[in-house]
Amino acid sequence: MIELVDVGNVGPDKISASLTKTRQTCCFTKYSEEVPLKNNRGGSDGETYSHYVIVDEAMKFIRENQDRPFFCYMPITPPHGIFDIPDSEPAWTIYKDKDWPEEARRYAAMVTMVDRQVGEVLDLLQELSLDENTIVFFCGDNGGNDYFKDASHPRGLHGANVNPATGVEFRGTKGTLYEGGLRIPMTVRWPGKIDPGRVSDLLWYFPDVLPTVAELAGAKTPKDVDGMSILPELLGEQSVGRGQTSHEYLYWELGNQTAIRQQNWKAIQPGPKREWELYDLSRDLSEQHNVAKEQTDKA
């Protein structure tokens, strides 16, 4: 699902920034080079909270390149484990006294921190008069996990794979090929181009971002890319001048798991010696009713 909240032009002669954090917080990667973080020794042992550095560097990059087309990739890692956040972080004060396990409180604070910082990036674009000419994609990289489970919260305290409005659950978690491991929303923002609050059910995946950005920038998409541009879905078919294509199928392999999806039919083999399962996601979003034996023509 793509949640369309609003998206800007990126020129073909773009300047790019790529910022990533290593698993241990001793350094982060900038322009493919590792940058040491002051007095950090890995894990939670050190002085510098790497996430702050990544956000600061991204905002610095935007300021420095505000007068020319640019591409900024800002990969935030919270609330990824290690669930740690400085006690001085304002978001921590919201949750520190809640009757939850400490890691659950810090997890929630990390989410709130990210929410604030994404807002700060959007505020910066507005401050620099770039917001109406900048496309912003915000997305996770995998489904949620059942963190902090107990008898009252069998799918985790925060219920990452439970719809809070309906109670409908996604089966599985991060690390599986059930919907709980695969299904995530993407928010796309472009004031004046996309109506706020619009929701699309177009089936997409990460390789679609490159062709989409390339089309916006007037650049050619490499031939060996599996993704498709979703620009007609974002801006409207009339505005783009062509219809939106769709994926004939999506295919995944993860460890010993295999899955394939064609429209609303989803087949999954949870292990190499396990039987294939088949689900009709239009009727069974929680993947509770395996219809492989009834739908032999599709299985």
C-alpha atoms as a PDB file:
ATOM      1  CA  MET A   1       0.000   0.000   0.000  1.00  0.00           C
ATOM      2  CA  ILE A   2       1.184   3.524  -0.711  1.00  0.00           C
ATOM      3  CA  GLU A   3      -0.160   6.289   1.452  1.00  0.00           C
ATOM      4  CA  LEU A   4       0.022   9.489  -0.587  1.00  0.00           C
ATOM      5  CA  VAL A   5       0.186  12.512   1.621  1.00  0.00           C
ATOM      6  CA  ASP A   6       1.604  14.905  -0.789  1.00  0.00           C
ATOM      7  CA  VAL A   7       5.960  14.959  -3.639  1.00  0.00           C
ATOM      8  CA  GLY A   8       9.396  17.907  -6.192  1.00  0.00           C
ATOM      9  CA  ASN A   9      11.520  17.916  -9.128  1.00  0.00           C
ATOM     10  CA  VAL A  10      14.970  16.477  -8.991  1.00  0.00           C
ATOM     11  CA  GLY A  11      17.218  17.511 -11.836  1.00  0.00           C
ATOM     12  CA  PRO A  12      19.213  15.019 -13.894  1.00  0.00           C
ATOM     13  CA  ASP A  13      22.456  16.688 -12.796  1.00  0.00           C
ATOM     14  CA  LYS A  14      21.759  15.804  -9.207  1.00  0.00           C
ATOM     15  CA  ILE A  15      24.076  16.029  -6.239  1.00  0.00           C
ATOM     16  CA  SER A  16      23.709  13.014  -3.970  1.00  0.00           C
ATOM     17  CA  ALA A  17      24.296  12.290  -0.324  1.00  0.00           C
ATOM     18  CA  SER A  18      24.163   8.773   1.066  1.00  0.00           C
ATOM     19  CA  LEU A  19      24.394   8.341   4.817  1.00  0.00           C
ATOM     20  CA  THR A  20      24.273   4.974   6.560  1.00  0.00           C
ATOM     21  CA  LYS A  21      25.075   3.609  10.012  1.00  0.00           C
ATOM     22  CA  THR A  22      26.992   0.449  10.713  1.00  0.00           C
ATOM     23  CA  ARG A  23      25.520  -2.200  13.014  1.00  0.00           C
ATOM     24  CA  GLN A  24      27.883  -1.022  15.757  1.00  0.00           C
ATOM     25  CA  THR A  25      27.771   2.700  16.406  1.00  0.00           C
ATOM     26  CA  CYS A  26      31.512   3.287  16.127  1.00  0.00           C
ATOM     27  CA  CYS A  27      31.146   5.039  12.791  1.00  0.00           C
ATOM     28  CA  PHE A  28      28.760   5.896   9.989  1.00  0.00           C
ATOM     29  CA  THR A  29      29.218   5.821   6.233  1.00  0.00           C
ATOM     30  CA  LYS A  30      29.227   9.001   4.151  1.00  0.00           C
ATOM     31  CA  TYR A  31      29.893   8.920   0.406  1.00  0.00           C
ATOM     32  CA  SER A  32      30.986   5.268   0.788  1.00  0.00           C
ATOM     33  CA  GLU A  33      33.613   6.192   3.399  1.00  0.00           C
ATOM     34  CA  GLU A  34      33.443   5.329   7.081  1.00  0.00           C
ATOM     35  CA  VAL A  35      33.435   8.338   9.404  1.00  0.00           C
ATOM     36  CA  PRO A  36      34.464   7.584  13.023  1.00  0.00           C
ATOM     37  CA  LEU A  37      32.156   8.800  15.785  1.00  0.00           C
ATOM     38  CA  LYS A  38      33.858  10.408  18.754  1.00  0.00           C
ATOM     39  CA  ASN A  39      34.680   7.998  21.570  1.00  0.00           C
ATOM     40  CA  ASN A  40      32.314   5.317  20.313  1.00  0.00           C
ATOM     41  CA  ARG A  41      33.354   1.720  20.834  1.00  0.00           C
ATOM     42  CA  GLY A  42      30.336  -0.122  19.458  1.00  0.00           C
ATOM     43  CA  GLY A  43      26.893  -1.031  20.711  1.00  0.00           C
ATOM     44  CA  SER A  44      25.782   1.466  23.366  1.00  0.00           C
ATOM     45  CA  ASP A  45      29.325   2.130  24.542  1.00  0.00           C
ATOM     46  CA  GLY A  46      30.346   5.675  23.644  1.00  0.00           C
ATOM     47  CA  GLU A  47      29.520   9.374  23.630  1.00  0.00           C
ATOM     48  CA  THR A  48      27.969  10.032  20.200  1.00  0.00           C
ATOM     49  CA  TYR A  49      24.441   8.992  19.280  1.00  0.00           C
ATOM     50  CA  SER A  50      24.945   8.116  15.621  1.00  0.00           C
ATOM     51  CA  HIS A  51      21.352   8.831  14.615  1.00  0.00           C
ATOM     52  CA  TYR A  52      21.758  12.495  15.565  1.00  0.00           C
ATOM     53  CA  VAL A  53      24.828  12.733  13.346  1.00  0.00           C
ATOM     54  CA  ILE A  54      23.019  11.205  10.357  1.00  0.00           C
ATOM     55  CA  VAL A  55      20.076  13.611  10.636  1.00  0.00           C
ATOM     56  CA  ASP A  56      22.359  16.620  11.170  1.00  0.00           C
ATOM     57  CA  GLU A  57      24.480  15.676   8.158  1.00  0.00           C
ATOM     58  CA  ALA A  58      21.386  15.282   5.980  1.00  0.00           C
ATOM     59  CA  MET A  59      20.049  18.700   6.945  1.00  0.00           C
ATOM     60  CA  LYS A  60      23.494  20.244   6.424  1.00  0.00           C
ATOM     61  CA  PHE A  61      23.631  18.683   2.967  1.00  0.00           C
ATOM     62  CA  ILE A  62      20.222  20.117   2.044  1.00  0.00           C
ATOM     63  CA  ARG A  63      21.295  23.609   3.133  1.00  0.00           C
ATOM     64  CA  GLU A  64      24.572  23.395   1.222  1.00  0.00           C
ATOM     65  CA  ASN A  65      22.866  22.282  -1.994  1.00  0.00           C
ATOM     66  CA  GLN A  66      19.666  24.308  -1.837  1.00  0.00           C
ATOM     67  CA  ASP A  67      20.534  26.224  -5.020  1.00  0.00           C
ATOM     68  CA  ARG A  68      20.919  23.187  -7.270  1.00  0.00           C
ATOM     69  CA  PRO A  69      19.148  19.856  -7.840  1.00  0.00           C
ATOM     70  CA  PHE A  70      20.094  17.229  -5.271  1.00  0.00           C
ATOM     71  CA  PHE A  71      19.283  13.725  -4.079  1.00  0.00           C
ATOM     72  CA  CYS A  72      19.517  13.100  -0.341  1.00  0.00           C
ATOM     73  CA  TYR A  73      19.200   9.580   1.073  1.00  0.00           C
ATOM     74  CA  MET A  74      18.726   9.761   4.846  1.00  0.00           C
ATOM     75  CA  PRO A  75      18.463   6.211   6.246  1.00  0.00           C
ATOM     76  CA  ILE A  76      17.231   6.421   9.806  1.00  0.00           C
ATOM     77  CA  THR A  77      17.791   3.302  11.888  1.00  0.00           C
ATOM     78  CA  PRO A  78      15.548   3.881  14.957  1.00  0.00           C
ATOM     79  CA  PRO A  79      13.628   2.039  16.263  1.00  0.00           C
ATOM     80  CA  HIS A  80      15.953  -0.748  15.194  1.00  0.00           C
ATOM     81  CA  GLY A  81      17.621  -2.673  18.009  1.00  0.00           C
ATOM     82  CA  ILE A  82      19.630  -1.757  20.030  1.00  0.00           C
ATOM     83  CA  PHE A  83      16.660  -0.008  21.695  1.00  0.00           C
ATOM     84  CA  ASP A  84      18.646   2.838  23.142  1.00  0.00           C
ATOM     85  CA  ILE A  85      18.121   6.595  23.231  1.00  0.00           C
ATOM     86  CA  PRO A  86      19.860   9.349  25.228  1.00  0.00           C
ATOM     87  CA  ASP A  87      18.126  10.269  28.474  1.00  0.00           C
ATOM     88  CA  SER A  88      18.477  13.898  27.347  1.00  0.00           C
ATOM     89  CA  GLU A  89      16.321  13.255  24.258  1.00  0.00           C
ATOM     90  CA  PRO A  90      13.016  15.196  24.651  1.00  0.00           C
ATOM     91  CA  ALA A  91      11.000  12.213  23.391  1.00  0.00           C
ATOM     92  CA  TRP A  92      12.269  10.091  26.282  1.00  0.00           C
ATOM     93  CA  THR A  93      10.537  12.348  28.820  1.00  0.00           C
ATOM     94  CA  ILE A  94       7.160  11.376  27.301  1.00  0.00           C
ATOM     95  CA  TYR A  95       7.600   7.666  28.028  1.00  0.00           C
ATOM     96  CA  LYS A  96      10.185   7.299  30.789  1.00  0.00           C
ATOM     97  CA  ASP A  97       7.601   6.984  33.577  1.00  0.00           C
ATOM     98  CA  LYS A  98       5.172   4.655  31.795  1.00  0.00           C
ATOM     99  CA  ASP A  99       4.489   1.233  33.297  1.00  0.00           C
ATOM    100  CA  TRP A 100       6.180  -0.614  30.442  1.00  0.00           C
ATOM    101  CA  PRO A 101       9.423  -2.565  30.171  1.00  0.00           C
ATOM    102  CA  GLU A 102      12.282  -0.109  29.726  1.00  0.00           C
ATOM    103  CA  GLU A 103      13.093  -1.279  26.194  1.00  0.00           C
ATOM    104  CA  ALA A 104       9.433  -0.791  25.205  1.00  0.00           C
ATOM    105  CA  ARG A 105       9.562   2.770  26.562  1.00  0.00           C
ATOM    106  CA  ARG A 106      12.780   3.515  24.710  1.00  0.00           C
ATOM    107  CA  TYR A 107      11.364   1.995  21.522  1.00  0.00           C
ATOM    108  CA  ALA A 108       8.358   4.328  21.716  1.00  0.00           C
ATOM    109  CA  ALA A 109      10.624   7.294  22.386  1.00  0.00           C
ATOM    110  CA  MET A 110      12.707   6.445  19.322  1.00  0.00           C
ATOM    111  CA  VAL A 111       9.582   6.444  17.139  1.00  0.00           C
ATOM    112  CA  THR A 112       8.487   9.815  18.542  1.00  0.00           C
ATOM    113  CA  MET A 113      11.995  11.211  18.019  1.00  0.00           C
ATOM    114  CA  VAL A 114      11.968  10.153  14.372  1.00  0.00           C
ATOM    115  CA  ASP A 115       8.526  11.687  13.905  1.00  0.00           C
ATOM    116  CA  ARG A 116       9.842  15.017  15.206  1.00  0.00           C
ATOM    117  CA  GLN A 117      12.985  14.897  13.075  1.00  0.00           C
ATOM    118  CA  VAL A 118      11.119  14.093   9.868  1.00  0.00           C
ATOM    119  CA  GLY A 119       9.022  17.146  10.640  1.00  0.00           C
ATOM    120  CA  GLU A 120      12.216  19.180  11.081  1.00  0.00           C
ATOM    121  CA  VAL A 121      13.425  18.104   7.637  1.00  0.00           C
ATOM    122  CA  LEU A 122      10.096  19.130   6.105  1.00  0.00           C
ATOM    123  CA  ASP A 123      10.253  22.439   7.994  1.00  0.00           C
ATOM    124  CA  LEU A 124      13.742  23.009   6.576  1.00  0.00           C
ATOM    125  CA  LEU A 125      12.485  22.461   3.033  1.00  0.00           C
ATOM    126  CA  GLN A 126       9.761  25.015   3.671  1.00  0.00           C
ATOM    127  CA  GLU A 127      12.223  27.464   5.244  1.00  0.00           C
ATOM    128  CA  LEU A 128      14.422  27.241   2.135  1.00  0.00           C
ATOM    129  CA  SER A 129      11.381  27.533  -0.187  1.00  0.00           C
ATOM    130  CA  LEU A 130      12.103  24.051  -1.527  1.00  0.00           C
ATOM    131  CA  ASP A 131       9.060  22.142  -0.273  1.00  0.00           C
ATOM    132  CA  GLU A 132       6.958  22.649  -3.415  1.00  0.00           C
ATOM    133  CA  ASN A 133       9.850  21.502  -5.611  1.00  0.00           C
ATOM    134  CA  THR A 134      11.041  18.516  -3.578  1.00  0.00           C
ATOM    135  CA  ILE A 135       9.708  14.971  -3.585  1.00  0.00           C
ATOM    136  CA  VAL A 136       9.948  13.229  -0.222  1.00  0.00           C
ATOM    137  CA  PHE A 137       9.591   9.470   0.208  1.00  0.00           C
ATOM    138  CA  PHE A 138       9.323   8.004   3.711  1.00  0.00           C
ATOM    139  CA  CYS A 139       9.200   4.254   4.186  1.00  0.00           C
ATOM    140  CA  GLY A 140      10.274   1.369   6.401  1.00  0.00           C
ATOM    141  CA  ASP A 141      12.334  -1.532   5.094  1.00  0.00           C
ATOM    142  CA  ASN A 142      10.424  -4.521   6.486  1.00  0.00           C
ATOM    143  CA  GLY A 143       7.375  -5.463   8.483  1.00  0.00           C
ATOM    144  CA  GLY A 144       7.085  -5.032  12.229  1.00  0.00           C
ATOM    145  CA  ASN A 145       8.079  -7.407  14.980  1.00  0.00           C
ATOM    146  CA  ASP A 146       6.152  -8.705  18.001  1.00  0.00           C
ATOM    147  CA  TYR A 147       8.414  -6.935  20.461  1.00  0.00           C
ATOM    148  CA  PHE A 148       7.633  -6.881  24.202  1.00  0.00           C
ATOM    149  CA  LYS A 149       5.048  -9.688  24.235  1.00  0.00           C
ATOM    150  CA  ASP A 150       3.143 -10.709  27.327  1.00  0.00           C
ATOM    151  CA  ALA A 151      -0.132 -12.452  28.140  1.00  0.00           C
ATOM    152  CA  SER A 152      -2.123  -9.294  27.484  1.00  0.00           C
ATOM    153  CA  HIS A 153      -0.211  -8.419  24.314  1.00  0.00           C
ATOM    154  CA  PRO A 154       0.513 -11.650  22.387  1.00  0.00           C
ATOM    155  CA  ARG A 155       1.495  -9.627  19.300  1.00  0.00           C
ATOM    156  CA  GLY A 156       3.713  -7.282  21.272  1.00  0.00           C
ATOM    157  CA  LEU A 157       3.030  -4.256  23.459  1.00  0.00           C
ATOM    158  CA  HIS A 158       2.949  -1.852  20.521  1.00  0.00           C
ATOM    159  CA  GLY A 159       1.136  -4.262  18.168  1.00  0.00           C
ATOM    160  CA  ALA A 160       3.140  -3.451  15.047  1.00  0.00           C
ATOM    161  CA  ASN A 161       1.151  -5.951  12.987  1.00  0.00           C
ATOM    162  CA  VAL A 162      -2.269  -5.286  14.491  1.00  0.00           C
ATOM    163  CA  ASN A 163      -4.612  -2.688  13.012  1.00  0.00           C
ATOM    164  CA  PRO A 164      -5.509  -0.511  16.021  1.00  0.00           C
ATOM    165  CA  ALA A 165      -8.855   0.461  14.477  1.00  0.00           C
ATOM    166  CA  THR A 166     -10.104  -2.969  13.386  1.00  0.00           C
ATOM    167  CA  GLY A 167      -7.980  -5.506  15.252  1.00  0.00           C
ATOM    168  CA  VAL A 168      -7.113  -7.261  11.972  1.00  0.00           C
ATOM    169  CA  GLU A 169      -3.649  -8.819  12.191  1.00  0.00           C
ATOM    170  CA  PHE A 170      -0.923  -9.508   9.673  1.00  0.00           C
ATOM    171  CA  ARG A 171       0.504 -12.990  10.088  1.00  0.00           C
ATOM    172  CA  GLY A 172       4.225 -13.300  10.720  1.00  0.00           C
ATOM    173  CA  THR A 173       6.838 -10.688  11.564  1.00  0.00           C
ATOM    174  CA  LYS A 174      10.033  -9.192  10.267  1.00  0.00           C
ATOM    175  CA  GLY A 175      12.120 -12.054   8.888  1.00  0.00           C
ATOM    176  CA  THR A 176       9.163 -13.964   7.437  1.00  0.00           C
ATOM    177  CA  LEU A 177       7.470 -13.792   4.036  1.00  0.00           C
ATOM    178  CA  TYR A 178       3.967 -13.588   5.445  1.00  0.00           C
ATOM    179  CA  GLU A 179       2.325 -10.154   5.213  1.00  0.00           C
ATOM    180  CA  GLY A 180       3.625  -9.224   8.656  1.00  0.00           C
ATOM    181  CA  GLY A 181       7.144  -9.380   7.280  1.00  0.00           C
ATOM    182  CA  LEU A 182       6.485  -7.795   3.885  1.00  0.00           C
ATOM    183  CA  ARG A 183       3.681  -5.277   4.080  1.00  0.00           C
ATOM    184  CA  ILE A 184       4.634  -1.676   4.862  1.00  0.00           C
ATOM    185  CA  PRO A 185       3.251   1.700   3.805  1.00  0.00           C
ATOM    186  CA  MET A 186       5.169   4.396   1.971  1.00  0.00           C
ATOM    187  CA  THR A 187       4.350   8.065   2.412  1.00  0.00           C
ATOM    188  CA  VAL A 188       5.109  10.390  -0.491  1.00  0.00           C
ATOM    189  CA  ARG A 189       4.908  14.163  -0.132  1.00  0.00           C
ATOM    190  CA  TRP A 190       4.701  16.899  -2.747  1.00  0.00           C
ATOM    191  CA  PRO A 191       2.652  19.989  -1.814  1.00  0.00           C
ATOM    192  CA  GLY A 192       0.471  21.154  -4.681  1.00  0.00           C
ATOM    193  CA  LYS A 193       0.972  17.958  -6.671  1.00  0.00           C
ATOM    194  CA  ILE A 194      -0.595  15.230  -4.537  1.00  0.00           C
ATOM    195  CA  ASP A 195      -3.733  15.730  -2.493  1.00  0.00           C
ATOM    196  CA  PRO A 196      -3.066  15.251   1.249  1.00  0.00           C
ATOM    197  CA  GLY A 197      -4.607  12.147   2.778  1.00  0.00           C
ATOM    198  CA  ARG A 198      -5.078  10.227  -0.461  1.00  0.00           C
ATOM    199  CA  VAL A 199      -4.519   6.486  -0.125  1.00  0.00           C
ATOM    200  CA  SER A 200      -3.520   4.121  -2.931  1.00  0.00           C
ATOM    201  CA  ASP A 201      -3.626   0.314  -2.935  1.00  0.00           C
ATOM    202  CA  LEU A 202      -1.180   0.000  -5.833  1.00  0.00           C
ATOM    203  CA  LEU A 203       1.151  -2.934  -5.190  1.00  0.00           C
ATOM    204  CA  TRP A 204       4.732  -1.622  -5.177  1.00  0.00           C
ATOM    205  CA  TYR A 205       8.161  -2.527  -3.825  1.00  0.00           C
ATOM    206  CA  PHE A 206      11.510  -0.792  -3.332  1.00  0.00           C
ATOM    207  CA  PRO A 207      12.901  -1.295  -6.871  1.00  0.00           C
ATOM    208  CA  ASP A 208      10.029   0.931  -8.068  1.00  0.00           C
ATOM    209  CA  VAL A 209      11.587   3.993  -6.433  1.00  0.00           C
ATOM    210  CA  LEU A 210      14.537   4.256  -8.856  1.00  0.00           C
ATOM    211  CA  PRO A 211      12.430   4.271 -12.056  1.00  0.00           C
ATOM    212  CA  THR A 212      10.036   6.744 -10.437  1.00  0.00           C
ATOM    213  CA  VAL A 213      12.787   9.183  -9.451  1.00  0.00           C
ATOM    214  CA  ALA A 214      14.510   8.721 -12.805  1.00  0.00           C
ATOM    215  CA  GLU A 215      11.327   9.644 -14.664  1.00  0.00           C
ATOM    216  CA  LEU A 216      10.888  12.729 -12.501  1.00  0.00           C
ATOM    217  CA  ALA A 217      14.473  13.772 -13.210  1.00  0.00           C
ATOM    218  CA  GLY A 218      14.248  13.118 -16.940  1.00  0.00           C
ATOM    219  CA  ALA A 219      16.872  10.382 -16.685  1.00  0.00           C
ATOM    220  CA  LYS A 220      16.867   6.920 -18.254  1.00  0.00           C
ATOM    221  CA  THR A 221      16.226   3.934 -16.038  1.00  0.00           C
ATOM    222  CA  PRO A 222      18.884   1.201 -16.358  1.00  0.00           C
ATOM    223  CA  LYS A 223      17.659  -1.753 -18.403  1.00  0.00           C
ATOM    224  CA  ASP A 224      18.492  -4.335 -15.731  1.00  0.00           C
ATOM    225  CA  VAL A 225      16.081  -2.882 -13.152  1.00  0.00           C
ATOM    226  CA  ASP A 226      12.975  -4.881 -12.214  1.00  0.00           C
ATOM    227  CA  GLY A 227      11.059  -1.911 -10.847  1.00  0.00           C
ATOM    228  CA  MET A 228       8.456   0.237 -12.580  1.00  0.00           C
ATOM    229  CA  SER A 229       7.751   3.944 -12.295  1.00  0.00           C
ATOM    230  CA  ILE A 230       4.743   4.701 -10.110  1.00  0.00           C
ATOM    231  CA  LEU A 231       4.596   8.330 -11.255  1.00  0.00           C
ATOM    232  CA  PRO A 232       1.130   8.040 -12.858  1.00  0.00           C
ATOM    233  CA  GLU A 233      -0.199   6.749  -9.539  1.00  0.00           C
ATOM    234  CA  LEU A 234       1.437   9.609  -7.665  1.00  0.00           C
ATOM    235  CA  LEU A 235       0.573  12.504  -9.963  1.00  0.00           C
ATOM    236  CA  GLY A 236      -2.368  11.148 -11.927  1.00  0.00           C
ATOM    237  CA  GLU A 237      -2.453   9.499 -15.319  1.00  0.00           C
ATOM    238  CA  GLN A 238      -3.680  12.663 -17.049  1.00  0.00           C
ATOM    239  CA  SER A 239      -0.843  14.724 -15.620  1.00  0.00           C
ATOM    240  CA  VAL A 240       1.821  12.185 -16.579  1.00  0.00           C
ATOM    241  CA  GLY A 241       0.273  11.399 -19.956  1.00  0.00           C
ATOM    242  CA  ARG A 242       0.113   7.627 -19.621  1.00  0.00           C
ATOM    243  CA  GLY A 243      -1.537   4.906 -17.580  1.00  0.00           C
ATOM    244  CA  GLN A 244      -0.056   3.240 -14.528  1.00  0.00           C
ATOM    245  CA  THR A 245       1.465  -0.166 -15.156  1.00  0.00           C
ATOM    246  CA  SER A 246       1.326  -2.921 -12.547  1.00  0.00           C
ATOM    247  CA  HIS A 247       3.556  -5.826 -11.586  1.00  0.00           C
ATOM    248  CA  GLU A 248       2.662  -9.151 -13.165  1.00  0.00           C
ATOM    249  CA  TYR A 249       4.004 -10.771 -10.003  1.00  0.00           C
ATOM    250  CA  LEU A 250       6.357 -10.175  -7.077  1.00  0.00           C
ATOM    251  CA  TYR A 251       8.788 -12.874  -5.937  1.00  0.00           C
ATOM    252  CA  TRP A 252      10.767 -13.231  -2.709  1.00  0.00           C
ATOM    253  CA  GLU A 253      13.415 -15.511  -1.264  1.00  0.00           C
ATOM    254  CA  LEU A 254      14.539 -15.102   2.350  1.00  0.00           C
ATOM    255  CA  GLY A 255      16.654 -17.756   3.986  1.00  0.00           C
ATOM    256  CA  ASN A 256      14.804 -21.016   3.303  1.00  0.00           C
ATOM    257  CA  GLN A 257      11.508 -19.260   2.562  1.00  0.00           C
ATOM    258  CA  THR A 258      10.011 -18.561  -0.862  1.00  0.00           C
ATOM    259  CA  ALA A 259       6.920 -16.564  -1.788  1.00  0.00           C
ATOM    260  CA  ILE A 260       5.217 -15.219  -4.893  1.00  0.00           C
ATOM    261  CA  ARG A 261       2.294 -12.855  -5.290  1.00  0.00           C
ATOM    262  CA  GLN A 262       0.093 -12.360  -8.359  1.00  0.00           C
ATOM    263  CA  GLN A 263      -2.570  -9.711  -7.831  1.00  0.00           C
ATOM    264  CA  ASN A 264      -4.370 -10.845  -4.655  1.00  0.00           C
ATOM    265  CA  TRP A 265      -3.094 -14.434  -4.718  1.00  0.00           C
ATOM    266  CA  LYS A 266      -0.139 -15.138  -2.454  1.00  0.00           C
ATOM    267  CA  ALA A 267       1.763 -18.431  -2.375  1.00  0.00           C
ATOM    268  CA  ILE A 268       4.392 -19.142   0.250  1.00  0.00           C
ATOM    269  CA  GLN A 269       6.668 -22.047   1.036  1.00  0.00           C
ATOM    270  CA  PRO A 270       7.824 -21.464   4.638  1.00  0.00           C
ATOM    271  CA  GLY A 271      10.693 -23.932   4.308  1.00  0.00           C
ATOM    272  CA  PRO A 272      12.371 -26.148   1.694  1.00  0.00           C
ATOM    273  CA  LYS A 273      10.592 -29.305   2.910  1.00  0.00           C
ATOM    274  CA  ARG A 274       7.298 -27.605   3.696  1.00  0.00           C
ATOM    275  CA  GLU A 275       4.231 -27.697   1.484  1.00  0.00           C
ATOM    276  CA  TRP A 276       3.237 -24.611  -0.456  1.00  0.00           C
ATOM    277  CA  GLU A 277       0.458 -22.519   1.049  1.00  0.00           C
ATOM    278  CA  LEU A 278      -1.960 -20.336  -0.908  1.00  0.00           C
ATOM    279  CA  TYR A 279      -3.950 -17.352   0.327  1.00  0.00           C
ATOM    280  CA  ASP A 280      -6.487 -15.008  -1.236  1.00  0.00           C
ATOM    281  CA  LEU A 281      -5.473 -11.678   0.276  1.00  0.00           C
ATOM    282  CA  SER A 282      -8.643  -9.978  -0.935  1.00  0.00           C
ATOM    283  CA  ARG A 283     -10.589 -12.129   1.538  1.00  0.00           C
ATOM    284  CA  ASP A 284      -7.932 -13.317   3.956  1.00  0.00           C
ATOM    285  CA  LEU A 285      -5.468 -10.539   4.723  1.00  0.00           C
ATOM    286  CA  SER A 286      -4.335 -12.368   7.860  1.00  0.00           C
ATOM    287  CA  GLU A 287      -3.354 -15.484   5.864  1.00  0.00           C
ATOM    288  CA  GLN A 288      -5.292 -17.851   8.094  1.00  0.00           C
ATOM    289  CA  HIS A 289      -7.035 -19.962   5.455  1.00  0.00           C
ATOM    290  CA  ASN A 290      -4.718 -21.996   3.258  1.00  0.00           C
ATOM    291  CA  VAL A 291      -6.687 -22.764   0.070  1.00  0.00           C
ATOM    292  CA  ALA A 292      -3.930 -24.572  -1.803  1.00  0.00           C
ATOM    293  CA  LYS A 293      -5.891 -27.842  -1.917  1.00  0.00           C
ATOM    294  CA  GLU A 294      -9.091 -26.127  -3.103  1.00  0.00           C
ATOM    295  CA  GLN A 295      -7.385 -23.907  -5.693  1.00  0.00           C
ATOM    296  CA  THR A 296      -5.191 -26.460  -7.410  1.00  0.00           C
ATOM    297  CA  ASP A 297      -5.262 -24.532 -10.692  1.00  0.00           C
ATOM    298  CA  LYS A 298      -3.530 -21.604  -8.962  1.00  0.00           C
ATOM    299  CA  ALA A 299      -1.356 -23.517  -6.517  1.00  0.00           C
END
